[in-house]
PDB file of N, CA and C in Angstrom:
ATOM      1  N   MET A   1      -0.658  -1.517 -31.655  1.00  0.00           N
ATOM      2  CA  MET A   1      -1.705  -0.570 -31.927  1.00  0.00           C
ATOM      3  C   MET A   1      -2.152   0.126 -30.611  1.00  0.00           C
ATOM      4  N   ARG A   2      -2.553   1.214 -30.504  1.00  0.00           N
ATOM      5  CA  ARG A   2      -2.955   1.826 -29.245  1.00  0.00           C
ATOM      6  C   ARG A   2      -4.574   1.678 -29.178  1.00  0.00           C
ATOM      7  N   THR A   3      -4.724   1.342 -27.721  1.00  0.00           N
ATOM      8  CA  THR A   3      -6.306   1.098 -27.442  1.00  0.00           C
ATOM      9  C   THR A   3      -6.980   2.488 -27.335  1.00  0.00           C
ATOM     10  N   LYS A   4      -8.003   2.163 -28.079  1.00  0.00           N
ATOM     11  CA  LYS A   4      -8.950   3.221 -28.073  1.00  0.00           C
ATOM     12  C   LYS A   4      -9.483   3.715 -26.582  1.00  0.00           C
ATOM     13  N   LEU A   5      -9.556   5.054 -26.378  1.00  0.00           N
ATOM     14  CA  LEU A   5     -10.036   5.358 -25.055  1.00  0.00           C
ATOM     15  C   LEU A   5     -11.434   4.837 -24.684  1.00  0.00           C
ATOM     16  N   SER A   6     -12.295   4.975 -25.746  1.00  0.00           N
ATOM     17  CA  SER A   6     -13.712   4.543 -25.635  1.00  0.00           C
ATOM     18  C   SER A   6     -13.826   2.823 -25.358  1.00  0.00           C
ATOM     19  N   THR A   7     -12.844   2.169 -25.816  1.00  0.00           N
ATOM     20  CA  THR A   7     -12.810   0.752 -25.754  1.00  0.00           C
ATOM     21  C   THR A   7     -12.368   0.375 -24.379  1.00  0.00           C
ATOM     22  N   CYS A   8     -11.360   1.177 -23.943  1.00  0.00           N
ATOM     23  CA  CYS A   8     -10.725   0.958 -22.467  1.00  0.00           C
ATOM     24  C   CYS A   8     -11.832   1.160 -21.487  1.00  0.00           C
ATOM     25  N   ARG A   9     -12.604   2.283 -21.403  1.00  0.00           N
ATOM     26  CA  ARG A   9     -13.784   2.645 -20.644  1.00  0.00           C
ATOM     27  C   ARG A   9     -14.784   1.661 -20.464  1.00  0.00           C
ATOM     28  N   ARG A  10     -15.257   0.796 -21.708  1.00  0.00           N
ATOM     29  CA  ARG A  10     -16.178  -0.146 -21.241  1.00  0.00           C
ATOM     30  C   ARG A  10     -15.814  -1.499 -21.153  1.00  0.00           C
ATOM     31  N   LYS A  11     -14.521  -1.744 -21.047  1.00  0.00           N
ATOM     32  CA  LYS A  11     -14.055  -2.939 -20.648  1.00  0.00           C
ATOM     33  C   LYS A  11     -13.592  -3.102 -19.167  1.00  0.00           C
ATOM     34  N   LEU A  12     -13.756  -4.270 -18.656  1.00  0.00           N
ATOM     35  CA  LEU A  12     -13.350  -4.491 -17.281  1.00  0.00           C
ATOM     36  C   LEU A  12     -12.024  -4.290 -17.048  1.00  0.00           C
ATOM     37  N   ARG A  13     -11.573  -4.100 -15.710  1.00  0.00           N
ATOM     38  CA  ARG A  13      -9.906  -3.878 -15.304  1.00  0.00           C
ATOM     39  C   ARG A  13      -9.844  -4.887 -14.390  1.00  0.00           C
ATOM     40  N   TYR A  14      -8.578  -5.503 -14.535  1.00  0.00           N
ATOM     41  CA  TYR A  14      -8.101  -6.433 -13.746  1.00  0.00           C
ATOM     42  C   TYR A  14      -6.809  -5.857 -13.237  1.00  0.00           C
ATOM     43  N   GLY A  15      -6.642  -6.120 -11.835  1.00  0.00           N
ATOM     44  CA  GLY A  15      -5.546  -5.563 -11.129  1.00  0.00           C
ATOM     45  C   GLY A  15      -4.136  -6.478 -11.324  1.00  0.00           C
ATOM     46  N   THR A  16      -4.414  -7.929 -11.428  1.00  0.00           N
ATOM     47  CA  THR A  16      -3.364  -8.813 -11.519  1.00  0.00           C
ATOM     48  C   THR A  16      -3.639  -9.692 -12.800  1.00  0.00           C
ATOM     49  N   GLU A  17      -2.674 -10.357 -13.074  1.00  0.00           N
ATOM     50  CA  GLU A  17      -2.617 -11.198 -14.411  1.00  0.00           C
ATOM     51  C   GLU A  17      -3.430 -12.455 -13.790  1.00  0.00           C
ATOM     52  N   ALA A  18      -3.230 -12.817 -12.583  1.00  0.00           N
ATOM     53  CA  ALA A  18      -4.159 -14.092 -12.107  1.00  0.00           C
ATOM     54  C   ALA A  18      -5.457 -13.919 -12.196  1.00  0.00           C
ATOM     55  N   GLU A  19      -6.025 -12.554 -11.767  1.00  0.00           N
ATOM     56  CA  GLU A  19      -7.495 -12.298 -12.031  1.00  0.00           C
ATOM     57  C   GLU A  19      -7.937 -12.376 -13.208  1.00  0.00           C
ATOM     58  N   ALA A  20      -7.122 -11.789 -14.157  1.00  0.00           N
ATOM     59  CA  ALA A  20      -7.551 -11.617 -15.716  1.00  0.00           C
ATOM     60  C   ALA A  20      -7.621 -13.028 -16.118  1.00  0.00           C
ATOM     61  N   ILE A  21      -6.592 -13.975 -15.858  1.00  0.00           N
ATOM     62  CA  ILE A  21      -6.335 -15.283 -16.330  1.00  0.00           C
ATOM     63  C   ILE A  21      -7.716 -16.211 -15.881  1.00  0.00           C
ATOM     64  N   ALA A  22      -8.019 -16.012 -14.640  1.00  0.00           N
ATOM     65  CA  ALA A  22      -8.987 -16.774 -13.911  1.00  0.00           C
ATOM     66  C   ALA A  22     -10.456 -16.368 -14.534  1.00  0.00           C
ATOM     67  N   SER A  23     -10.759 -14.910 -14.679  1.00  0.00           N
ATOM     68  CA  SER A  23     -11.924 -14.592 -15.555  1.00  0.00           C
ATOM     69  C   SER A  23     -12.099 -14.965 -16.890  1.00  0.00           C
ATOM     70  N   ALA A  24     -10.972 -15.099 -17.568  1.00  0.00           N
ATOM     71  CA  ALA A  24     -10.876 -15.480 -19.003  1.00  0.00           C
ATOM     72  C   ALA A  24     -11.361 -17.151 -18.858  1.00  0.00           C
ATOM     73  N   ALA A  25     -10.639 -17.845 -18.130  1.00  0.00           N
ATOM     74  CA  ALA A  25     -11.180 -19.226 -18.030  1.00  0.00           C
ATOM     75  C   ALA A  25     -12.636 -19.644 -17.569  1.00  0.00           C
ATOM     76  N   ALA A  26     -13.036 -18.815 -16.568  1.00  0.00           N
ATOM     77  CA  ALA A  26     -14.478 -18.900 -16.173  1.00  0.00           C
ATOM     78  C   ALA A  26     -15.378 -18.493 -17.373  1.00  0.00           C
ATOM     79  N   SER A  27     -15.066 -17.675 -18.372  1.00  0.00           N
ATOM     80  CA  SER A  27     -15.979 -17.382 -19.404  1.00  0.00           C
ATOM     81  C   SER A  27     -16.042 -18.543 -20.449  1.00  0.00           C
ATOM     82  N   GLY A  28     -14.993 -19.436 -20.545  1.00  0.00           N
ATOM     83  CA  GLY A  28     -15.351 -20.461 -21.534  1.00  0.00           C
ATOM     84  C   GLY A  28     -14.992 -20.008 -22.906  1.00  0.00           C
ATOM     85  N   LEU A  29     -14.393 -18.818 -22.815  1.00  0.00           N
ATOM     86  CA  LEU A  29     -13.953 -18.359 -24.445  1.00  0.00           C
ATOM     87  C   LEU A  29     -12.535 -18.115 -24.520  1.00  0.00           C
ATOM     88  N   PRO A  30     -12.065 -18.313 -25.671  1.00  0.00           N
ATOM     89  CA  PRO A  30     -10.456 -18.273 -25.891  1.00  0.00           C
ATOM     90  C   PRO A  30      -9.928 -16.981 -25.503  1.00  0.00           C
ATOM     91  N   LEU A  31      -9.851 -16.257 -24.525  1.00  0.00           N
ATOM     92  CA  LEU A  31      -9.386 -14.994 -24.130  1.00  0.00           C
ATOM     93  C   LEU A  31      -8.011 -14.747 -23.433  1.00  0.00           C
ATOM     94  N   ARG A  32      -7.276 -13.707 -23.914  1.00  0.00           N
ATOM     95  CA  ARG A  32      -6.242 -13.518 -23.187  1.00  0.00           C
ATOM     96  C   ARG A  32      -5.886 -12.094 -22.453  1.00  0.00           C
ATOM     97  N   PRO A  33      -5.193 -12.010 -21.704  1.00  0.00           N
ATOM     98  CA  PRO A  33      -5.172 -10.897 -20.878  1.00  0.00           C
ATOM     99  C   PRO A  33      -4.131  -9.883 -21.513  1.00  0.00           C
ATOM    100  N   TYR A  34      -4.046  -8.690 -21.857  1.00  0.00           N
ATOM    101  CA  TYR A  34      -3.187  -7.676 -22.130  1.00  0.00           C
ATOM    102  C   TYR A  34      -3.209  -6.313 -21.198  1.00  0.00           C
ATOM    103  N   ARG A  35      -2.017  -5.914 -21.282  1.00  0.00           N
ATOM    104  CA  ARG A  35      -1.873  -4.514 -20.601  1.00  0.00           C
ATOM    105  C   ARG A  35      -2.187  -3.458 -21.404  1.00  0.00           C
ATOM    106  N   CYS A  36      -3.218  -2.590 -20.943  1.00  0.00           N
ATOM    107  CA  CYS A  36      -3.822  -1.484 -21.650  1.00  0.00           C
ATOM    108  C   CYS A  36      -2.799  -0.397 -21.721  1.00  0.00           C
ATOM    109  N   ASP A  37      -2.679   0.298 -22.681  1.00  0.00           N
ATOM    110  CA  ASP A  37      -1.589   1.550 -22.808  1.00  0.00           C
ATOM    111  C   ASP A  37      -2.426   2.846 -22.412  1.00  0.00           C
ATOM    112  N   ARG A  38      -3.687   2.737 -22.141  1.00  0.00           N
ATOM    113  CA  ARG A  38      -4.175   3.800 -21.671  1.00  0.00           C
ATOM    114  C   ARG A  38      -4.475   3.891 -20.197  1.00  0.00           C
ATOM    115  N   CYS A  39      -4.837   2.843 -19.609  1.00  0.00           N
ATOM    116  CA  CYS A  39      -5.179   2.837 -18.222  1.00  0.00           C
ATOM    117  C   CYS A  39      -3.892   2.065 -17.421  1.00  0.00           C
ATOM    118  N   ARG A  40      -3.123   1.432 -18.086  1.00  0.00           N
ATOM    119  CA  ARG A  40      -2.193   0.489 -17.314  1.00  0.00           C
ATOM    120  C   ARG A  40      -2.665  -0.677 -16.543  1.00  0.00           C
ATOM    121  N   HIS A  41      -4.004  -0.972 -16.658  1.00  0.00           N
ATOM    122  CA  HIS A  41      -4.673  -2.203 -16.085  1.00  0.00           C
ATOM    123  C   HIS A  41      -4.427  -3.170 -17.277  1.00  0.00           C
ATOM    124  N   LEU A  42      -5.047  -4.475 -16.734  1.00  0.00           N
ATOM    125  CA  LEU A  42      -5.267  -5.440 -17.667  1.00  0.00           C
ATOM    126  C   LEU A  42      -6.653  -5.689 -17.794  1.00  0.00           C
ATOM    127  N   HIS A  43      -6.964  -6.053 -19.546  1.00  0.00           N
ATOM    128  CA  HIS A  43      -8.134  -6.195 -20.012  1.00  0.00           C
ATOM    129  C   HIS A  43      -8.180  -7.407 -20.621  1.00  0.00           C
ATOM    130  N   LEU A  44      -9.325  -7.883 -21.179  1.00  0.00           N
ATOM    131  CA  LEU A  44      -9.167  -9.333 -21.821  1.00  0.00           C
ATOM    132  C   LEU A  44      -9.508  -9.121 -23.208  1.00  0.00           C
ATOM    133  N   THR A  45      -9.031  -9.816 -24.210  1.00  0.00           N
ATOM    134  CA  THR A  45      -9.084  -9.817 -25.588  1.00  0.00           C
ATOM    135  C   THR A  45      -9.323 -11.037 -26.256  1.00  0.00           C
ATOM    136  N   SER A  46     -10.000 -11.306 -27.242  1.00  0.00           N
ATOM    137  CA  SER A  46     -10.131 -12.405 -27.941  1.00  0.00           C
ATOM    138  C   SER A  46      -8.977 -12.637 -29.355  1.00  0.00           C
ATOM    139  N   ARG A  47      -8.469 -11.329 -29.512  1.00  0.00           N
ATOM    140  CA  ARG A  47      -7.873 -11.259 -30.674  1.00  0.00           C
ATOM    141  C   ARG A  47      -6.478 -11.887 -30.601  1.00  0.00           C
ATOM    142  N   THR A  48      -6.131 -12.666 -31.406  1.00  0.00           N
ATOM    143  CA  THR A  48      -4.807 -13.213 -31.498  1.00  0.00           C
ATOM    144  C   THR A  48      -3.949 -13.316 -32.634  1.00  0.00           C
ATOM    145  N   LYS A  49      -4.354 -12.441 -33.654  1.00  0.00           N
ATOM    146  CA  LYS A  49      -3.777 -12.280 -35.002  1.00  0.00           C
ATOM    147  C   LYS A  49      -2.398 -11.583 -34.867  1.00  0.00           C
ATOM    148  N   LYS A  50      -1.325 -12.271 -35.247  1.00  0.00           N
ATOM    149  CA  LYS A  50      -0.016 -11.565 -34.906  1.00  0.00           C
ATOM    150  C   LYS A  50       0.529 -11.686 -33.481  1.00  0.00           C
ATOM    151  N   LYS A  51      -0.206 -12.402 -32.740  1.00  0.00           N
ATOM    152  CA  LYS A  51       0.262 -12.516 -31.295  1.00  0.00           C
ATOM    153  C   LYS A  51       0.740 -13.734 -30.948  1.00  0.00           C
ATOM    154  N   TRP A  52       1.630 -14.145 -30.017  1.00  0.00           N
ATOM    155  CA  TRP A  52       2.254 -15.236 -29.732  1.00  0.00           C
ATOM    156  C   TRP A  52       1.117 -15.955 -28.706  1.00  0.00           C
ATOM    157  N   VAL A  53       0.756 -17.012 -28.876  1.00  0.00           N
ATOM    158  CA  VAL A  53       0.050 -17.541 -27.974  1.00  0.00           C
ATOM    159  C   VAL A  53       0.637 -18.703 -27.346  1.00  0.00           C
ATOM    160  N   PRO A  54       0.872 -19.061 -26.185  1.00  0.00           N
ATOM    161  CA  PRO A  54       1.616 -20.140 -25.756  1.00  0.00           C
ATOM    162  C   PRO A  54       0.604 -21.511 -25.630  1.00  0.00           C
ATOM    163  N   LEU A  55       1.347 -22.634 -25.988  1.00  0.00           N
ATOM    164  CA  LEU A  55       0.483 -23.986 -26.167  1.00  0.00           C
ATOM    165  C   LEU A  55      -0.081 -24.179 -24.794  1.00  0.00           C
ATOM    166  N   ALA A  56      -1.293 -24.850 -24.765  1.00  0.00           N
ATOM    167  CA  ALA A  56      -1.864 -25.273 -23.633  1.00  0.00           C
ATOM    168  C   ALA A  56      -1.114 -26.587 -23.158  1.00  0.00           C
ATOM    169  N   ALA A  57      -0.943 -26.623 -21.795  1.00  0.00           N
ATOM    170  CA  ALA A  57      -0.485 -27.849 -21.248  1.00  0.00           C
ATOM    171  C   ALA A  57      -1.455 -28.892 -21.099  1.00  0.00           C
ATOM    172  N   ASP A  58      -0.987 -30.001 -21.633  1.00  0.00           N
ATOM    173  CA  ASP A  58      -2.150 -31.106 -21.392  1.00  0.00           C
ATOM    174  C   ASP A  58      -1.576 -32.170 -20.446  1.00  0.00           C
TER     175      ASP A  58
END
């Protein structure tokens, strides 16, 4: 599904996956990074429906 331009504009942009993952971890919420098809930067999302999510290493 294509990202809405209005959604892209209001989200934070991350230059690297490491930055996005660090921000997600600091938030304390189950967020994951994704590459935006509008701006080609990384954003964070909480949506996981029909998305493969790697298992956490314990």
